[in-house]
């Protein structure tokens, strides 16, 4: 696998992961804002937060992770990046839908500080799992499709 053997690809992967951390902060922040302040259902809040994170990630990846990938027009590259991420939503939504109820039951059986409610923990652990799965999908598909104009 090229990431394991090529120094430049490892650097890109680490940058992609760093951008992902920023995106996760955006994702979790927006999700928590929507679910806690506006009582938005997790699937809707998680979809909105995902779109916000995608926009952030695209900007950071285009200009920092893959600065040499700008041979494509920005609109075309954003469309490609967004398409990969839409497929990521198709992976993400069933995870959010099916994993939240058992996570809630799990956390309801435990004792936590008042600020860490079972609902809060279930939503955040469910989203964390979904983010991890989708991050792997996003890196590999974007690297070999959206940013395939970058030399290894």
N, C-alpha and C. Protein backbone atom coordinates (compact mmCIF):
# COMPACT_ATOMS: atom_id res chain seq x y z
N UNK A 1 0.85 -1.18 0.00
CA UNK A 1 0.00 0.00 0.00
C UNK A 1 0.90 1.24 0.00
N UNK A 2 0.58 2.17 -0.87
CA UNK A 2 1.42 3.34 -1.09
C UNK A 2 1.58 4.22 0.16
N UNK A 3 0.55 4.30 1.00
CA UNK A 3 0.62 5.14 2.21
C UNK A 3 1.68 4.63 3.17
N UNK A 4 1.88 3.33 3.18
CA UNK A 4 2.85 2.76 4.10
C UNK A 4 4.28 2.92 3.61
N UNK A 5 4.48 3.05 2.31
CA UNK A 5 5.83 3.08 1.77
C UNK A 5 6.30 4.45 1.30
N UNK A 6 5.42 5.35 0.98
CA UNK A 6 5.79 6.64 0.42
C UNK A 6 5.65 7.74 1.47
N UNK A 7 6.72 8.45 1.74
CA UNK A 7 6.74 9.50 2.77
C UNK A 7 5.73 10.61 2.47
N UNK A 8 5.67 11.02 1.22
CA UNK A 8 4.75 12.09 0.83
C UNK A 8 3.29 11.68 1.04
N UNK A 9 2.98 10.42 0.71
CA UNK A 9 1.61 9.94 0.92
C UNK A 9 1.28 9.84 2.41
N UNK A 10 2.24 9.45 3.23
CA UNK A 10 2.00 9.43 4.68
C UNK A 10 1.72 10.84 5.19
N UNK A 11 2.48 11.82 4.68
CA UNK A 11 2.25 13.21 5.07
C UNK A 11 0.85 13.65 4.66
N UNK A 12 0.46 13.30 3.44
CA UNK A 12 -0.89 13.65 2.98
C UNK A 12 -1.96 13.00 3.86
N UNK A 13 -1.74 11.74 4.21
CA UNK A 13 -2.71 11.03 5.05
C UNK A 13 -2.81 11.71 6.42
N UNK A 14 -1.67 12.09 7.00
CA UNK A 14 -1.68 12.77 8.30
C UNK A 14 -2.37 14.13 8.19
N UNK A 15 -2.13 14.83 7.10
CA UNK A 15 -2.83 16.11 6.90
C UNK A 15 -4.32 15.89 6.72
N UNK A 16 -4.67 14.86 5.95
CA UNK A 16 -6.09 14.53 5.73
C UNK A 16 -6.75 14.23 7.07
N UNK A 17 -6.06 13.48 7.92
CA UNK A 17 -6.60 13.16 9.24
C UNK A 17 -6.72 14.41 10.10
N UNK A 18 -5.73 15.31 10.01
CA UNK A 18 -5.80 16.57 10.77
C UNK A 18 -6.99 17.41 10.32
N UNK A 19 -7.18 17.48 9.02
CA UNK A 19 -8.34 18.18 8.47
C UNK A 19 -9.61 17.50 8.97
N UNK A 20 -9.57 16.18 9.03
CA UNK A 20 -10.72 15.43 9.55
C UNK A 20 -11.03 15.78 10.99
N UNK A 21 -10.00 16.03 11.79
CA UNK A 21 -10.22 16.43 13.18
C UNK A 21 -10.95 17.77 13.21
N UNK A 22 -10.51 18.71 12.38
CA UNK A 22 -11.19 20.01 12.30
C UNK A 22 -12.64 19.79 11.86
N UNK A 23 -12.82 18.95 10.85
CA UNK A 23 -14.16 18.64 10.39
C UNK A 23 -15.00 17.98 11.47
N UNK A 24 -14.39 17.12 12.27
CA UNK A 24 -15.12 16.46 13.36
C UNK A 24 -15.56 17.48 14.41
N UNK A 25 -14.71 18.47 14.69
CA UNK A 25 -15.09 19.53 15.64
C UNK A 25 -16.30 20.29 15.08
N UNK A 26 -16.26 20.61 13.80
CA UNK A 26 -17.40 21.27 13.15
C UNK A 26 -18.63 20.36 13.24
N UNK A 27 -18.43 19.10 12.88
CA UNK A 27 -19.51 18.11 12.85
C UNK A 27 -20.16 17.96 14.23
N UNK A 28 -19.35 17.68 15.24
CA UNK A 28 -19.87 17.48 16.59
C UNK A 28 -20.48 18.78 17.14
N UNK A 29 -19.83 19.90 16.86
CA UNK A 29 -20.34 21.18 17.36
C UNK A 29 -21.71 21.50 16.81
N UNK A 30 -21.87 21.37 15.51
CA UNK A 30 -23.16 21.66 14.88
C UNK A 30 -24.21 20.64 15.34
N UNK A 31 -23.83 19.35 15.39
CA UNK A 31 -24.78 18.33 15.83
C UNK A 31 -25.27 18.61 17.24
N UNK A 32 -24.34 18.91 18.16
CA UNK A 32 -24.74 19.18 19.54
C UNK A 32 -25.57 20.46 19.65
N UNK A 33 -25.22 21.48 18.90
CA UNK A 33 -25.99 22.71 18.89
C UNK A 33 -27.43 22.44 18.46
N UNK A 34 -27.58 21.70 17.37
CA UNK A 34 -28.91 21.43 16.85
C UNK A 34 -29.73 20.50 17.75
N UNK A 35 -29.09 19.45 18.30
CA UNK A 35 -29.86 18.50 19.12
C UNK A 35 -30.15 19.05 20.51
N UNK A 36 -29.23 19.82 21.08
CA UNK A 36 -29.43 20.30 22.45
C UNK A 36 -30.22 21.60 22.52
N UNK A 37 -29.95 22.52 21.62
CA UNK A 37 -30.65 23.81 21.69
C UNK A 37 -31.97 23.83 20.92
N UNK A 38 -32.03 23.05 19.85
CA UNK A 38 -33.22 23.09 19.00
C UNK A 38 -33.98 21.76 18.96
N UNK A 39 -33.53 20.78 19.74
CA UNK A 39 -34.18 19.47 19.85
C UNK A 39 -34.39 18.82 18.48
N UNK A 40 -33.41 19.01 17.60
CA UNK A 40 -33.46 18.42 16.26
C UNK A 40 -33.14 16.92 16.36
N UNK A 41 -33.89 16.06 15.68
CA UNK A 41 -33.57 14.62 15.70
C UNK A 41 -32.14 14.38 15.19
N UNK A 42 -31.49 13.35 15.73
CA UNK A 42 -30.09 13.09 15.41
C UNK A 42 -29.84 12.89 13.91
N UNK A 43 -30.70 12.18 13.22
CA UNK A 43 -30.47 11.93 11.79
C UNK A 43 -30.45 13.26 11.02
N UNK A 44 -31.36 14.16 11.33
CA UNK A 44 -31.40 15.46 10.65
C UNK A 44 -30.21 16.32 11.07
N UNK A 45 -29.96 16.41 12.38
CA UNK A 45 -28.83 17.20 12.88
C UNK A 45 -27.51 16.64 12.36
N UNK A 46 -27.40 15.32 12.33
CA UNK A 46 -26.18 14.68 11.85
C UNK A 46 -25.95 14.91 10.36
N UNK A 47 -27.01 15.02 9.60
CA UNK A 47 -26.88 15.30 8.17
C UNK A 47 -26.44 16.74 7.94
N UNK A 48 -27.06 17.67 8.65
CA UNK A 48 -26.69 19.09 8.53
C UNK A 48 -25.25 19.29 8.98
N UNK A 49 -24.89 18.69 10.10
CA UNK A 49 -23.52 18.86 10.62
C UNK A 49 -22.50 18.24 9.66
N UNK A 50 -22.89 17.17 9.01
CA UNK A 50 -22.01 16.51 8.03
C UNK A 50 -21.73 17.44 6.85
N UNK A 51 -22.75 18.11 6.35
CA UNK A 51 -22.58 19.03 5.22
C UNK A 51 -21.65 20.18 5.61
N UNK A 52 -21.81 20.71 6.81
CA UNK A 52 -20.92 21.78 7.29
C UNK A 52 -19.48 21.28 7.35
N UNK A 53 -19.30 20.07 7.84
CA UNK A 53 -17.95 19.50 7.94
C UNK A 53 -17.35 19.24 6.56
N UNK A 54 -18.16 18.81 5.60
CA UNK A 54 -17.68 18.56 4.24
C UNK A 54 -17.13 19.83 3.61
N UNK A 55 -17.85 20.92 3.79
CA UNK A 55 -17.40 22.19 3.22
C UNK A 55 -16.07 22.61 3.84
N UNK A 56 -15.97 22.51 5.15
CA UNK A 56 -14.72 22.83 5.84
C UNK A 56 -13.58 21.92 5.35
N UNK A 57 -13.86 20.63 5.28
CA UNK A 57 -12.83 19.68 4.86
C UNK A 57 -12.37 19.91 3.43
N UNK A 58 -13.30 20.23 2.55
CA UNK A 58 -12.91 20.48 1.16
C UNK A 58 -11.94 21.64 1.07
N UNK A 59 -12.26 22.73 1.73
CA UNK A 59 -11.39 23.91 1.69
C UNK A 59 -9.99 23.58 2.21
N UNK A 60 -9.93 22.94 3.39
CA UNK A 60 -8.63 22.59 3.98
C UNK A 60 -7.86 21.59 3.11
N UNK A 61 -8.56 20.59 2.58
CA UNK A 61 -7.87 19.59 1.76
C UNK A 61 -7.38 20.18 0.44
N UNK A 62 -8.15 21.02 -0.17
CA UNK A 62 -7.73 21.61 -1.45
C UNK A 62 -6.51 22.50 -1.29
N UNK A 63 -6.47 23.26 -0.21
CA UNK A 63 -5.39 24.24 -0.07
C UNK A 63 -4.23 23.79 0.82
N UNK A 64 -4.42 22.75 1.63
CA UNK A 64 -3.33 22.33 2.52
C UNK A 64 -2.89 20.89 2.27
N UNK A 65 -3.80 19.95 2.25
CA UNK A 65 -3.43 18.54 2.05
C UNK A 65 -2.96 18.28 0.63
N UNK A 66 -3.69 18.80 -0.33
CA UNK A 66 -3.40 18.58 -1.75
C UNK A 66 -3.26 19.89 -2.51
N UNK A 67 -2.33 20.75 -2.12
CA UNK A 67 -2.21 22.05 -2.82
C UNK A 67 -1.81 21.89 -4.29
N UNK A 68 -1.21 20.75 -4.62
CA UNK A 68 -0.79 20.51 -6.00
C UNK A 68 -1.90 19.83 -6.82
N UNK A 69 -3.12 19.81 -6.30
CA UNK A 69 -4.22 19.14 -7.00
C UNK A 69 -5.15 20.12 -7.68
N UNK A 70 -4.71 21.31 -7.87
CA UNK A 70 -5.62 22.33 -8.38
C UNK A 70 -5.63 22.42 -9.90
N UNK A 71 -5.34 21.31 -10.56
CA UNK A 71 -5.42 21.32 -12.02
C UNK A 71 -6.88 21.29 -12.48
N UNK A 72 -7.77 20.85 -11.60
CA UNK A 72 -9.20 20.85 -11.91
C UNK A 72 -9.81 22.16 -11.42
N UNK A 73 -10.84 22.63 -12.13
CA UNK A 73 -11.56 23.81 -11.63
C UNK A 73 -12.17 23.50 -10.26
N UNK A 74 -12.21 24.51 -9.40
CA UNK A 74 -12.66 24.32 -8.03
C UNK A 74 -14.09 23.76 -7.96
N UNK A 75 -14.97 24.22 -8.84
CA UNK A 75 -16.36 23.75 -8.80
C UNK A 75 -16.43 22.26 -9.15
N UNK A 76 -15.66 21.84 -10.14
CA UNK A 76 -15.65 20.42 -10.51
C UNK A 76 -15.08 19.58 -9.37
N UNK A 77 -13.98 20.04 -8.79
CA UNK A 77 -13.36 19.28 -7.70
C UNK A 77 -14.28 19.24 -6.47
N UNK A 78 -14.95 20.34 -6.16
CA UNK A 78 -15.90 20.34 -5.05
C UNK A 78 -17.04 19.36 -5.33
N UNK A 79 -17.52 19.32 -6.56
CA UNK A 79 -18.59 18.37 -6.92
C UNK A 79 -18.12 16.93 -6.72
N UNK A 80 -16.90 16.64 -7.12
CA UNK A 80 -16.36 15.29 -6.93
C UNK A 80 -16.24 14.97 -5.43
N UNK A 81 -15.66 15.91 -4.69
CA UNK A 81 -15.47 15.73 -3.25
C UNK A 81 -16.83 15.56 -2.57
N UNK A 82 -17.77 16.38 -2.95
CA UNK A 82 -19.11 16.31 -2.36
C UNK A 82 -19.77 14.98 -2.72
N UNK A 83 -19.58 14.51 -3.95
CA UNK A 83 -20.15 13.22 -4.35
C UNK A 83 -19.63 12.07 -3.51
N UNK A 84 -18.34 12.07 -3.24
CA UNK A 84 -17.76 11.05 -2.38
C UNK A 84 -18.40 11.13 -1.00
N UNK A 85 -18.59 12.35 -0.53
CA UNK A 85 -19.15 12.54 0.80
C UNK A 85 -20.64 12.22 0.86
N UNK A 86 -21.35 12.39 -0.24
CA UNK A 86 -22.76 11.98 -0.29
C UNK A 86 -22.84 10.46 -0.11
N UNK A 87 -21.93 9.75 -0.76
CA UNK A 87 -21.87 8.30 -0.54
C UNK A 87 -21.56 8.03 0.93
N UNK A 88 -20.73 8.87 1.53
CA UNK A 88 -20.44 8.75 2.95
C UNK A 88 -21.68 8.94 3.81
N UNK A 89 -22.57 9.84 3.39
CA UNK A 89 -23.84 10.03 4.10
C UNK A 89 -24.68 8.75 4.03
N UNK A 90 -24.64 8.09 2.87
CA UNK A 90 -25.38 6.84 2.72
C UNK A 90 -24.83 5.76 3.67
N UNK A 91 -23.57 5.84 4.00
CA UNK A 91 -22.98 4.94 4.98
C UNK A 91 -23.34 5.41 6.39
N UNK A 92 -23.28 6.70 6.60
CA UNK A 92 -23.46 7.31 7.91
C UNK A 92 -24.88 7.23 8.48
N UNK A 93 -25.88 7.53 7.69
CA UNK A 93 -27.25 7.60 8.19
C UNK A 93 -27.73 6.28 8.80
N UNK A 94 -27.53 5.15 8.14
CA UNK A 94 -27.95 3.90 8.80
C UNK A 94 -27.20 3.64 10.12
N UNK A 95 -25.94 4.04 10.18
CA UNK A 95 -25.20 3.88 11.44
C UNK A 95 -25.86 4.72 12.52
N UNK A 96 -26.16 6.00 12.22
CA UNK A 96 -26.81 6.86 13.20
C UNK A 96 -28.18 6.30 13.60
N UNK A 97 -28.93 5.84 12.63
CA UNK A 97 -30.29 5.37 12.87
C UNK A 97 -30.31 4.10 13.73
N UNK A 98 -29.46 3.13 13.38
CA UNK A 98 -29.53 1.84 14.04
C UNK A 98 -28.66 1.72 15.29
N UNK A 99 -27.61 2.50 15.38
CA UNK A 99 -26.70 2.37 16.52
C UNK A 99 -27.12 3.21 17.72
N UNK A 100 -27.81 4.33 17.49
CA UNK A 100 -28.19 5.19 18.62
C UNK A 100 -29.07 4.48 19.66
N UNK A 101 -30.12 3.75 19.28
CA UNK A 101 -30.96 3.12 20.32
C UNK A 101 -30.19 2.15 21.24
N UNK A 102 -29.37 1.23 20.70
CA UNK A 102 -28.64 0.36 21.63
C UNK A 102 -27.60 1.12 22.46
N UNK A 103 -27.02 2.17 21.88
CA UNK A 103 -26.07 2.99 22.65
C UNK A 103 -26.80 3.69 23.80
N UNK A 104 -27.99 4.18 23.54
CA UNK A 104 -28.77 4.84 24.59
C UNK A 104 -29.09 3.85 25.71
N UNK A 105 -29.50 2.65 25.35
CA UNK A 105 -29.79 1.62 26.37
C UNK A 105 -28.54 1.31 27.18
N UNK A 106 -27.41 1.21 26.50
CA UNK A 106 -26.14 0.92 27.18
C UNK A 106 -25.83 2.01 28.21
N UNK A 107 -25.93 3.27 27.80
CA UNK A 107 -25.58 4.37 28.71
C UNK A 107 -26.64 4.60 29.79
N UNK A 108 -27.88 4.21 29.54
CA UNK A 108 -28.91 4.35 30.57
C UNK A 108 -28.66 3.41 31.75
N UNK A 109 -27.94 2.36 31.50
CA UNK A 109 -27.62 1.40 32.56
C UNK A 109 -26.38 1.79 33.35
N UNK A 110 -25.81 2.93 33.08
CA UNK A 110 -24.61 3.38 33.77
C UNK A 110 -24.91 4.66 34.55
N UNK A 111 -24.03 4.97 35.49
CA UNK A 111 -24.20 6.18 36.29
C UNK A 111 -23.13 7.19 35.86
N UNK A 112 -23.57 8.41 35.52
CA UNK A 112 -22.66 9.46 35.08
C UNK A 112 -22.97 10.76 35.81
N UNK A 113 -22.03 11.70 35.69
CA UNK A 113 -22.29 13.05 36.21
C UNK A 113 -23.51 13.62 35.53
N UNK A 114 -24.16 14.55 36.20
CA UNK A 114 -25.40 15.15 35.72
C UNK A 114 -25.26 15.71 34.30
N UNK A 115 -24.12 16.33 33.96
CA UNK A 115 -23.97 16.95 32.65
C UNK A 115 -23.80 15.92 31.53
N UNK A 116 -23.40 14.71 31.86
CA UNK A 116 -23.23 13.67 30.85
C UNK A 116 -24.43 12.73 30.88
N UNK A 117 -25.48 13.15 30.21
CA UNK A 117 -26.70 12.34 30.19
C UNK A 117 -26.52 11.15 29.26
N UNK A 118 -27.28 10.09 29.48
CA UNK A 118 -27.22 8.95 28.56
C UNK A 118 -27.52 9.35 27.11
N UNK A 119 -28.46 10.28 26.92
CA UNK A 119 -28.80 10.75 25.58
C UNK A 119 -27.62 11.44 24.91
N UNK A 120 -26.96 12.32 25.66
CA UNK A 120 -25.77 13.03 25.15
C UNK A 120 -24.68 12.04 24.78
N UNK A 121 -24.39 11.10 25.66
CA UNK A 121 -23.34 10.11 25.41
C UNK A 121 -23.68 9.21 24.22
N UNK A 122 -24.92 8.76 24.14
CA UNK A 122 -25.33 7.89 23.03
C UNK A 122 -25.19 8.60 21.69
N UNK A 123 -25.64 9.84 21.62
CA UNK A 123 -25.55 10.59 20.37
C UNK A 123 -24.08 10.79 19.96
N UNK A 124 -23.25 11.17 20.91
CA UNK A 124 -21.85 11.46 20.59
C UNK A 124 -21.04 10.21 20.28
N UNK A 125 -21.26 9.12 20.99
CA UNK A 125 -20.54 7.88 20.68
C UNK A 125 -21.01 7.31 19.35
N UNK A 126 -22.29 7.42 19.06
CA UNK A 126 -22.81 6.95 17.78
C UNK A 126 -22.20 7.76 16.64
N UNK A 127 -22.18 9.07 16.79
CA UNK A 127 -21.59 9.93 15.76
C UNK A 127 -20.10 9.66 15.61
N UNK A 128 -19.39 9.45 16.70
CA UNK A 128 -17.95 9.16 16.64
C UNK A 128 -17.68 7.89 15.84
N UNK A 129 -18.46 6.87 16.06
CA UNK A 129 -18.30 5.63 15.31
C UNK A 129 -18.54 5.87 13.82
N UNK A 130 -19.63 6.57 13.51
CA UNK A 130 -19.96 6.85 12.11
C UNK A 130 -18.87 7.68 11.44
N UNK A 131 -18.34 8.68 12.16
CA UNK A 131 -17.26 9.52 11.61
C UNK A 131 -16.04 8.67 11.29
N UNK A 132 -15.67 7.76 12.15
CA UNK A 132 -14.51 6.90 11.91
C UNK A 132 -14.65 6.04 10.67
N UNK A 133 -15.80 5.43 10.51
CA UNK A 133 -16.05 4.58 9.34
C UNK A 133 -16.01 5.40 8.06
N UNK A 134 -16.69 6.53 8.07
CA UNK A 134 -16.79 7.37 6.87
C UNK A 134 -15.45 8.03 6.54
N UNK A 135 -14.64 8.34 7.56
CA UNK A 135 -13.31 8.93 7.31
C UNK A 135 -12.45 8.00 6.46
N UNK A 136 -12.46 6.73 6.74
CA UNK A 136 -11.67 5.78 5.94
C UNK A 136 -12.17 5.74 4.50
N UNK A 137 -13.47 5.67 4.33
CA UNK A 137 -14.06 5.71 2.99
C UNK A 137 -13.61 6.97 2.25
N UNK A 138 -13.78 8.13 2.92
CA UNK A 138 -13.47 9.41 2.29
C UNK A 138 -12.02 9.52 1.86
N UNK A 139 -11.10 9.11 2.72
CA UNK A 139 -9.70 9.26 2.36
C UNK A 139 -9.38 8.48 1.10
N UNK A 140 -9.69 7.21 1.08
CA UNK A 140 -9.27 6.38 -0.04
C UNK A 140 -9.97 6.75 -1.34
N UNK A 141 -11.23 7.02 -1.30
CA UNK A 141 -11.94 7.36 -2.54
C UNK A 141 -11.51 8.75 -3.03
N UNK A 142 -11.39 9.70 -2.11
CA UNK A 142 -10.94 11.02 -2.55
C UNK A 142 -9.51 11.00 -3.07
N UNK A 143 -8.64 10.26 -2.42
CA UNK A 143 -7.24 10.23 -2.86
C UNK A 143 -7.11 9.67 -4.27
N UNK A 144 -7.87 8.62 -4.56
CA UNK A 144 -7.70 7.94 -5.84
C UNK A 144 -8.73 8.35 -6.90
N UNK A 145 -9.62 9.29 -6.57
CA UNK A 145 -10.54 9.80 -7.58
C UNK A 145 -10.49 11.33 -7.62
N UNK A 146 -10.90 12.00 -6.54
CA UNK A 146 -10.94 13.45 -6.52
C UNK A 146 -9.55 14.06 -6.70
N UNK A 147 -8.57 13.49 -6.04
CA UNK A 147 -7.20 14.02 -6.08
C UNK A 147 -6.25 13.11 -6.85
N UNK A 148 -6.75 12.41 -7.86
CA UNK A 148 -5.90 11.50 -8.60
C UNK A 148 -4.94 12.24 -9.55
N UNK A 149 -5.07 13.56 -9.63
CA UNK A 149 -4.15 14.32 -10.47
C UNK A 149 -2.86 14.67 -9.73
N UNK A 150 -2.74 14.22 -8.47
CA UNK A 150 -1.55 14.46 -7.66
C UNK A 150 -0.61 13.27 -7.85
N UNK A 151 0.65 13.57 -8.09
CA UNK A 151 1.63 12.50 -8.22
C UNK A 151 1.91 11.86 -6.88
N UNK A 152 2.18 10.57 -6.90
CA UNK A 152 2.51 9.85 -5.66
C UNK A 152 3.90 10.19 -5.20
